[in-house]
Amino acid sequence: MAAPKAPLLGITGKSSREASLDEGVFGSDVKPHLVHEAVRAELNAKRAGTQAAKSRGLVAGGRGKPWRQKGTGRARAGSIRSPIWEGGGTTFGPRPRDYSYRLPAKARRVALCAALSDRQRGGTLTVIEEIKLPEAKTKRVAAMLSALGLEGTVLIVESGVNGDLERAARNLPRVKVLRTEGVNVYDVLRHQHLLITRNAVAALAERLAK
């Protein structure tokens, strides 16, 4: 089977040749169950887990019986902290916890390769020679994306630090810039287009090599 390829574009949108893509990274089989688990793990890791409710032991007051045991005609009561009282404690309420869990390294790698391969097969993967902006201005990034014909949400992947690009893209709500070490399944899938530099393609292939 021939290695997958993609047009290699310049910043103005013109294409002169093709870029070869690593078959193991951009031409692998899509495994929906692993992709699903990877997205769940990434979303769970983002949860704060700070929700909490007071149990009867944490509610203030109620150190003595509100009335004597017998003779009042009312039901027995031992404390105003009881969960059946208004303002009392909560039974089995939420407590602070860590929701995160990690998939095995191989499963994470296979899931990311599946997401990248899906973008390549769907025609939403764009490879660009390099991204050098004349100035760190938001309008420069918007003009580049317009020239490349990318509308909607776009994930831009760079191989290293590109301060001008990162600063210029911050004001575009539908654009996110990541370095290759930060590429993850959730961000790849939640953006309609994946724009990746040629150096980032090689860096991803090296990172995800078996």
C-alpha atoms as a PDB file:
ATOM      1  CA  MET A   1       0.000   0.000   0.000  1.00  0.00           C
ATOM      2  CA  ALA A   2       1.325   3.419  -0.988  1.00  0.00           C
ATOM      3  CA  ALA A   3       2.205   5.832   1.785  1.00  0.00           C
ATOM      4  CA  PRO A   4      -0.417   8.550   2.310  1.00  0.00           C
ATOM      5  CA  LYS A   5       0.346  11.956   0.827  1.00  0.00           C
ATOM      6  CA  ALA A   6      -1.027  15.449   1.173  1.00  0.00           C
ATOM      7  CA  PRO A   7      -0.506  18.642  -0.840  1.00  0.00           C
ATOM      8  CA  LEU A   8       2.309  20.756   0.609  1.00  0.00           C
ATOM      9  CA  LEU A   9       1.026  24.332   0.665  1.00  0.00           C
ATOM     10  CA  GLY A  10       2.734  27.647   1.145  1.00  0.00           C
ATOM     11  CA  ILE A  11       1.423  30.371   3.426  1.00  0.00           C
ATOM     12  CA  THR A  12      -0.367  31.923   0.426  1.00  0.00           C
ATOM     13  CA  GLY A  13      -2.241  28.699  -0.287  1.00  0.00           C
ATOM     14  CA  LYS A  14      -0.316  27.685  -3.417  1.00  0.00           C
ATOM     15  CA  SER A  15       0.797  24.070  -3.767  1.00  0.00           C
ATOM     16  CA  SER A  16       3.890  23.018  -5.683  1.00  0.00           C
ATOM     17  CA  ARG A  17       4.456  19.449  -4.449  1.00  0.00           C
ATOM     18  CA  GLU A  18       3.224  16.745  -2.108  1.00  0.00           C
ATOM     19  CA  ALA A  19       4.307  15.833   1.392  1.00  0.00           C
ATOM     20  CA  SER A  20       4.759  12.178   2.297  1.00  0.00           C
ATOM     21  CA  LEU A  21       3.064  11.146   5.525  1.00  0.00           C
ATOM     22  CA  ASP A  22       4.030   8.329   7.842  1.00  0.00           C
ATOM     23  CA  GLU A  23       1.703   5.413   7.164  1.00  0.00           C
ATOM     24  CA  GLY A  24       1.687   4.263  10.779  1.00  0.00           C
ATOM     25  CA  VAL A  25       0.565   7.691  11.983  1.00  0.00           C
ATOM     26  CA  PHE A  26      -1.635   9.036   9.176  1.00  0.00           C
ATOM     27  CA  GLY A  27      -2.707   5.789   7.501  1.00  0.00           C
ATOM     28  CA  SER A  28      -3.649   3.522  10.393  1.00  0.00           C
ATOM     29  CA  ASP A  29      -6.985   1.845  11.020  1.00  0.00           C
ATOM     30  CA  VAL A  30      -9.559   3.798  13.019  1.00  0.00           C
ATOM     31  CA  LYS A  31     -10.483   2.070  16.280  1.00  0.00           C
ATOM     32  CA  PRO A  32     -13.617   3.860  17.570  1.00  0.00           C
ATOM     33  CA  HIS A  33     -13.572   2.225  21.014  1.00  0.00           C
ATOM     34  CA  LEU A  34     -10.009   3.393  21.739  1.00  0.00           C
ATOM     35  CA  VAL A  35     -10.753   6.889  20.426  1.00  0.00           C
ATOM     36  CA  HIS A  36     -13.798   7.026  22.694  1.00  0.00           C
ATOM     37  CA  GLU A  37     -11.801   5.936  25.731  1.00  0.00           C
ATOM     38  CA  ALA A  38      -9.038   8.442  24.969  1.00  0.00           C
ATOM     39  CA  VAL A  39     -11.522  11.322  24.746  1.00  0.00           C
ATOM     40  CA  ARG A  40     -13.173  10.238  28.010  1.00  0.00           C
ATOM     41  CA  ALA A  41      -9.812  10.111  29.764  1.00  0.00           C
ATOM     42  CA  GLU A  42      -8.843  13.577  28.502  1.00  0.00           C
ATOM     43  CA  LEU A  43     -12.184  15.124  29.495  1.00  0.00           C
ATOM     44  CA  ASN A  44     -12.102  13.480  32.928  1.00  0.00           C
ATOM     45  CA  ALA A  45      -8.614  14.893  33.506  1.00  0.00           C
ATOM     46  CA  LYS A  46     -10.044  18.386  32.932  1.00  0.00           C
ATOM     47  CA  ARG A  47     -12.696  18.003  35.653  1.00  0.00           C
ATOM     48  CA  ALA A  48     -11.977  20.067  38.764  1.00  0.00           C
ATOM     49  CA  GLY A  49     -13.502  17.548  41.148  1.00  0.00           C
ATOM     50  CA  THR A  50     -14.013  20.253  43.781  1.00  0.00           C
ATOM     51  CA  GLN A  51     -17.750  19.744  44.411  1.00  0.00           C
ATOM     52  CA  ALA A  52     -18.654  19.006  48.025  1.00  0.00           C
ATOM     53  CA  ALA A  53     -21.607  18.855  50.406  1.00  0.00           C
ATOM     54  CA  LYS A  54     -21.578  18.887  54.216  1.00  0.00           C
ATOM     55  CA  SER A  55     -22.339  15.672  56.019  1.00  0.00           C
ATOM     56  CA  ARG A  56     -24.084  15.803  59.411  1.00  0.00           C
ATOM     57  CA  GLY A  57     -20.671  15.808  61.057  1.00  0.00           C
ATOM     58  CA  LEU A  58     -19.678  19.034  59.292  1.00  0.00           C
ATOM     59  CA  VAL A  59     -22.863  21.054  59.928  1.00  0.00           C
ATOM     60  CA  ALA A  60     -22.530  23.671  62.677  1.00  0.00           C
ATOM     61  CA  GLY A  61     -24.623  23.431  65.866  1.00  0.00           C
ATOM     62  CA  GLY A  62     -26.878  20.629  67.046  1.00  0.00           C
ATOM     63  CA  ARG A  63     -24.727  19.401  69.913  1.00  0.00           C
ATOM     64  CA  GLY A  64     -27.713  18.584  72.135  1.00  0.00           C
ATOM     65  CA  LYS A  65     -31.198  17.161  71.698  1.00  0.00           C
ATOM     66  CA  PRO A  66     -33.623  19.859  70.488  1.00  0.00           C
ATOM     67  CA  TRP A  67     -36.228  18.605  73.025  1.00  0.00           C
ATOM     68  CA  ARG A  68     -36.578  15.809  75.540  1.00  0.00           C
ATOM     69  CA  GLN A  69     -37.199  12.251  74.369  1.00  0.00           C
ATOM     70  CA  LYS A  70     -40.724  11.796  75.739  1.00  0.00           C
ATOM     71  CA  GLY A  71     -43.742  13.776  76.737  1.00  0.00           C
ATOM     72  CA  THR A  72     -43.761  16.538  74.109  1.00  0.00           C
ATOM     73  CA  GLY A  73     -46.013  14.831  71.587  1.00  0.00           C
ATOM     74  CA  ARG A  74     -43.428  15.357  68.890  1.00  0.00           C
ATOM     75  CA  ALA A  75     -41.302  12.781  67.119  1.00  0.00           C
ATOM     76  CA  ARG A  76     -37.992  11.820  68.669  1.00  0.00           C
ATOM     77  CA  ALA A  77     -35.064  13.977  67.518  1.00  0.00           C
ATOM     78  CA  GLY A  78     -31.427  13.736  68.458  1.00  0.00           C
ATOM     79  CA  SER A  79     -29.850  16.627  66.565  1.00  0.00           C
ATOM     80  CA  ILE A  80     -30.756  19.438  64.201  1.00  0.00           C
ATOM     81  CA  ARG A  81     -27.857  18.204  62.035  1.00  0.00           C
ATOM     82  CA  SER A  82     -29.988  15.247  60.930  1.00  0.00           C
ATOM     83  CA  PRO A  83     -30.385  14.964  57.124  1.00  0.00           C
ATOM     84  CA  ILE A  84     -34.179  14.988  57.498  1.00  0.00           C
ATOM     85  CA  TRP A  85     -34.052  18.495  58.976  1.00  0.00           C
ATOM     86  CA  GLU A  86     -33.901  21.644  56.874  1.00  0.00           C
ATOM     87  CA  GLY A  87     -30.312  22.882  57.042  1.00  0.00           C
ATOM     88  CA  GLY A  88     -29.077  19.484  58.176  1.00  0.00           C
ATOM     89  CA  GLY A  89     -26.331  17.420  56.630  1.00  0.00           C
ATOM     90  CA  THR A  90     -26.473  15.679  53.272  1.00  0.00           C
ATOM     91  CA  THR A  91     -26.488  11.885  53.107  1.00  0.00           C
ATOM     92  CA  PHE A  92     -23.925  10.458  50.676  1.00  0.00           C
ATOM     93  CA  GLY A  93     -23.276  13.919  49.212  1.00  0.00           C
ATOM     94  CA  PRO A  94     -20.460  14.636  46.731  1.00  0.00           C
ATOM     95  CA  ARG A  95     -16.926  14.888  48.065  1.00  0.00           C
ATOM     96  CA  PRO A  96     -13.775  16.291  46.419  1.00  0.00           C
ATOM     97  CA  ARG A  97     -12.198  13.642  44.216  1.00  0.00           C
ATOM     98  CA  ASP A  98      -9.861  13.117  41.294  1.00  0.00           C
ATOM     99  CA  TYR A  99     -11.697  11.898  38.180  1.00  0.00           C
ATOM    100  CA  SER A 100      -8.604  11.374  36.046  1.00  0.00           C
ATOM    101  CA  TYR A 101      -7.339   8.022  34.877  1.00  0.00           C
ATOM    102  CA  ARG A 102      -4.654   7.075  32.380  1.00  0.00           C
ATOM    103  CA  LEU A 103      -4.956   4.722  29.460  1.00  0.00           C
ATOM    104  CA  PRO A 104      -1.996   2.481  28.681  1.00  0.00           C
ATOM    105  CA  ALA A 105       0.645   4.257  26.584  1.00  0.00           C
ATOM    106  CA  LYS A 106       0.055   1.992  23.592  1.00  0.00           C
ATOM    107  CA  ALA A 107      -3.702   2.634  23.686  1.00  0.00           C
ATOM    108  CA  ARG A 108      -3.118   6.407  23.774  1.00  0.00           C
ATOM    109  CA  ARG A 109      -0.751   6.188  20.824  1.00  0.00           C
ATOM    110  CA  VAL A 110      -3.138   4.051  18.749  1.00  0.00           C
ATOM    111  CA  ALA A 111      -6.058   6.382  19.524  1.00  0.00           C
ATOM    112  CA  LEU A 112      -4.101   9.489  18.457  1.00  0.00           C
ATOM    113  CA  CYS A 113      -2.931   7.807  15.255  1.00  0.00           C
ATOM    114  CA  ALA A 114      -6.549   6.843  14.535  1.00  0.00           C
ATOM    115  CA  ALA A 115      -7.714  10.457  14.986  1.00  0.00           C
ATOM    116  CA  LEU A 116      -4.937  11.802  12.723  1.00  0.00           C
ATOM    117  CA  SER A 117      -5.662   9.132  10.103  1.00  0.00           C
ATOM    118  CA  ASP A 118      -9.356  10.053  10.168  1.00  0.00           C
ATOM    119  CA  ARG A 119      -8.463  13.677   9.407  1.00  0.00           C
ATOM    120  CA  GLN A 120      -6.221  12.579   6.533  1.00  0.00           C
ATOM    121  CA  ARG A 121      -8.879  10.310   4.992  1.00  0.00           C
ATOM    122  CA  GLY A 122     -11.593  12.916   5.417  1.00  0.00           C
ATOM    123  CA  GLY A 123      -9.615  15.562   3.548  1.00  0.00           C
ATOM    124  CA  THR A 124      -9.485  17.913   6.533  1.00  0.00           C
ATOM    125  CA  LEU A 125      -5.708  17.613   7.022  1.00  0.00           C
ATOM    126  CA  THR A 126      -3.639  20.435   5.508  1.00  0.00           C
ATOM    127  CA  VAL A 127       0.160  20.398   5.459  1.00  0.00           C
ATOM    128  CA  ILE A 128       1.977  23.729   5.183  1.00  0.00           C
ATOM    129  CA  GLU A 129       5.678  24.302   4.503  1.00  0.00           C
ATOM    130  CA  GLU A 130       6.131  26.657   7.466  1.00  0.00           C
ATOM    131  CA  ILE A 131       4.316  29.465   9.225  1.00  0.00           C
ATOM    132  CA  LYS A 132       6.261  32.714   9.355  1.00  0.00           C
ATOM    133  CA  LEU A 133       4.084  35.739   9.912  1.00  0.00           C
ATOM    134  CA  PRO A 134       5.269  39.207   8.817  1.00  0.00           C
ATOM    135  CA  GLU A 135       4.055  40.445  12.210  1.00  0.00           C
ATOM    136  CA  ALA A 136       2.287  38.991  15.225  1.00  0.00           C
ATOM    137  CA  LYS A 137      -1.135  40.294  14.242  1.00  0.00           C
ATOM    138  CA  THR A 138      -4.444  38.464  14.363  1.00  0.00           C
ATOM    139  CA  LYS A 139      -5.311  39.683  10.874  1.00  0.00           C
ATOM    140  CA  ARG A 140      -2.231  37.897   9.505  1.00  0.00           C
ATOM    141  CA  VAL A 141      -3.440  34.537  10.841  1.00  0.00           C
ATOM    142  CA  ALA A 142      -6.961  35.206   9.550  1.00  0.00           C
ATOM    143  CA  ALA A 143      -5.564  36.082   6.110  1.00  0.00           C
ATOM    144  CA  MET A 144      -3.456  32.897   6.061  1.00  0.00           C
ATOM    145  CA  LEU A 145      -6.421  30.694   6.922  1.00  0.00           C
ATOM    146  CA  SER A 146      -8.525  32.435   4.287  1.00  0.00           C
ATOM    147  CA  ALA A 147      -5.821  31.856   1.656  1.00  0.00           C
ATOM    148  CA  LEU A 148      -5.678  28.189   2.617  1.00  0.00           C
ATOM    149  CA  GLY A 149      -9.462  27.906   2.340  1.00  0.00           C
ATOM    150  CA  LEU A 150      -9.926  26.835   5.964  1.00  0.00           C
ATOM    151  CA  GLU A 151     -13.272  27.858   7.416  1.00  0.00           C
ATOM    152  CA  GLY A 152     -14.700  26.939  10.780  1.00  0.00           C
ATOM    153  CA  THR A 153     -12.620  25.631  13.657  1.00  0.00           C
ATOM    154  CA  VAL A 154      -8.919  25.028  12.999  1.00  0.00           C
ATOM    155  CA  LEU A 155      -6.240  23.282  15.043  1.00  0.00           C
ATOM    156  CA  ILE A 156      -2.737  24.477  14.099  1.00  0.00           C
ATOM    157  CA  VAL A 157       0.172  22.212  15.028  1.00  0.00           C
ATOM    158  CA  GLU A 158       3.753  23.505  15.144  1.00  0.00           C
ATOM    159  CA  SER A 159       6.908  21.516  15.792  1.00  0.00           C
ATOM    160  CA  GLY A 160       8.288  23.990  18.328  1.00  0.00           C
ATOM    161  CA  VAL A 161       7.832  27.437  19.806  1.00  0.00           C
ATOM    162  CA  ASN A 162       6.287  29.967  17.421  1.00  0.00           C
ATOM    163  CA  GLY A 163       5.612  32.970  19.635  1.00  0.00           C
ATOM    164  CA  ASP A 164       4.287  35.210  16.864  1.00  0.00           C
ATOM    165  CA  LEU A 165       1.742  32.605  15.760  1.00  0.00           C
ATOM    166  CA  GLU A 166       0.641  31.768  19.298  1.00  0.00           C
ATOM    167  CA  ARG A 167       0.122  35.428  20.199  1.00  0.00           C
ATOM    168  CA  ALA A 168      -1.592  36.303  16.925  1.00  0.00           C
ATOM    169  CA  ALA A 169      -4.034  33.375  17.099  1.00  0.00           C
ATOM    170  CA  ARG A 170      -5.159  33.992  20.697  1.00  0.00           C
ATOM    171  CA  ASN A 171      -7.910  36.398  19.645  1.00  0.00           C
ATOM    172  CA  LEU A 172      -9.440  33.963  17.143  1.00  0.00           C
ATOM    173  CA  PRO A 173     -12.016  31.938  19.128  1.00  0.00           C
ATOM    174  CA  ARG A 174     -12.180  29.133  16.573  1.00  0.00           C
ATOM    175  CA  VAL A 175      -8.414  28.674  16.241  1.00  0.00           C
ATOM    176  CA  LYS A 176      -6.112  26.814  18.618  1.00  0.00           C
ATOM    177  CA  VAL A 177      -2.331  26.433  18.363  1.00  0.00           C
ATOM    178  CA  LEU A 178      -0.552  23.415  19.832  1.00  0.00           C
ATOM    179  CA  ARG A 179       2.993  22.109  19.738  1.00  0.00           C
ATOM    180  CA  THR A 180       3.510  18.501  18.703  1.00  0.00           C
ATOM    181  CA  GLU A 181       4.062  17.333  22.281  1.00  0.00           C
ATOM    182  CA  GLY A 182       0.622  18.673  23.229  1.00  0.00           C
ATOM    183  CA  VAL A 183      -1.403  17.143  20.391  1.00  0.00           C
ATOM    184  CA  ASN A 184      -4.240  15.011  21.760  1.00  0.00           C
ATOM    185  CA  VAL A 185      -7.252  13.093  20.482  1.00  0.00           C
ATOM    186  CA  TYR A 186      -9.869  15.471  21.904  1.00  0.00           C
ATOM    187  CA  ASP A 187      -8.472  18.611  20.259  1.00  0.00           C
ATOM    188  CA  VAL A 188      -7.910  16.837  16.924  1.00  0.00           C
ATOM    189  CA  LEU A 189     -11.538  15.670  16.807  1.00  0.00           C
ATOM    190  CA  ARG A 190     -13.225  18.822  18.117  1.00  0.00           C
ATOM    191  CA  HIS A 191     -11.742  21.014  15.357  1.00  0.00           C
ATOM    192  CA  GLN A 192     -13.018  20.779  11.802  1.00  0.00           C
ATOM    193  CA  HIS A 193      -9.590  21.276  10.200  1.00  0.00           C
ATOM    194  CA  LEU A 194      -6.072  20.236  11.137  1.00  0.00           C
ATOM    195  CA  LEU A 195      -3.305  22.517   9.844  1.00  0.00           C
ATOM    196  CA  ILE A 196       0.154  21.105  10.450  1.00  0.00           C
ATOM    197  CA  THR A 197       3.614  22.239   9.380  1.00  0.00           C
ATOM    198  CA  ARG A 198       5.994  19.920   7.542  1.00  0.00           C
ATOM    199  CA  ASN A 199       8.383  19.832  10.511  1.00  0.00           C
ATOM    200  CA  ALA A 200       5.479  18.982  12.821  1.00  0.00           C
ATOM    201  CA  VAL A 201       4.575  16.028  10.595  1.00  0.00           C
ATOM    202  CA  ALA A 202       8.070  14.619  11.083  1.00  0.00           C
ATOM    203  CA  ALA A 203       8.007  15.375  14.810  1.00  0.00           C
ATOM    204  CA  LEU A 204       4.665  13.582  15.241  1.00  0.00           C
ATOM    205  CA  ALA A 205       5.962  10.578  13.307  1.00  0.00           C
ATOM    206  CA  GLU A 206       8.964  10.435  15.649  1.00  0.00           C
ATOM    207  CA  ARG A 207       6.823  10.857  18.773  1.00  0.00           C
ATOM    208  CA  LEU A 208       4.347   8.152  17.760  1.00  0.00           C
ATOM    209  CA  ALA A 209       6.858   5.697  16.325  1.00  0.00           C
ATOM    210  CA  LYS A 210       6.346   2.154  17.531  1.00  0.00           C
END
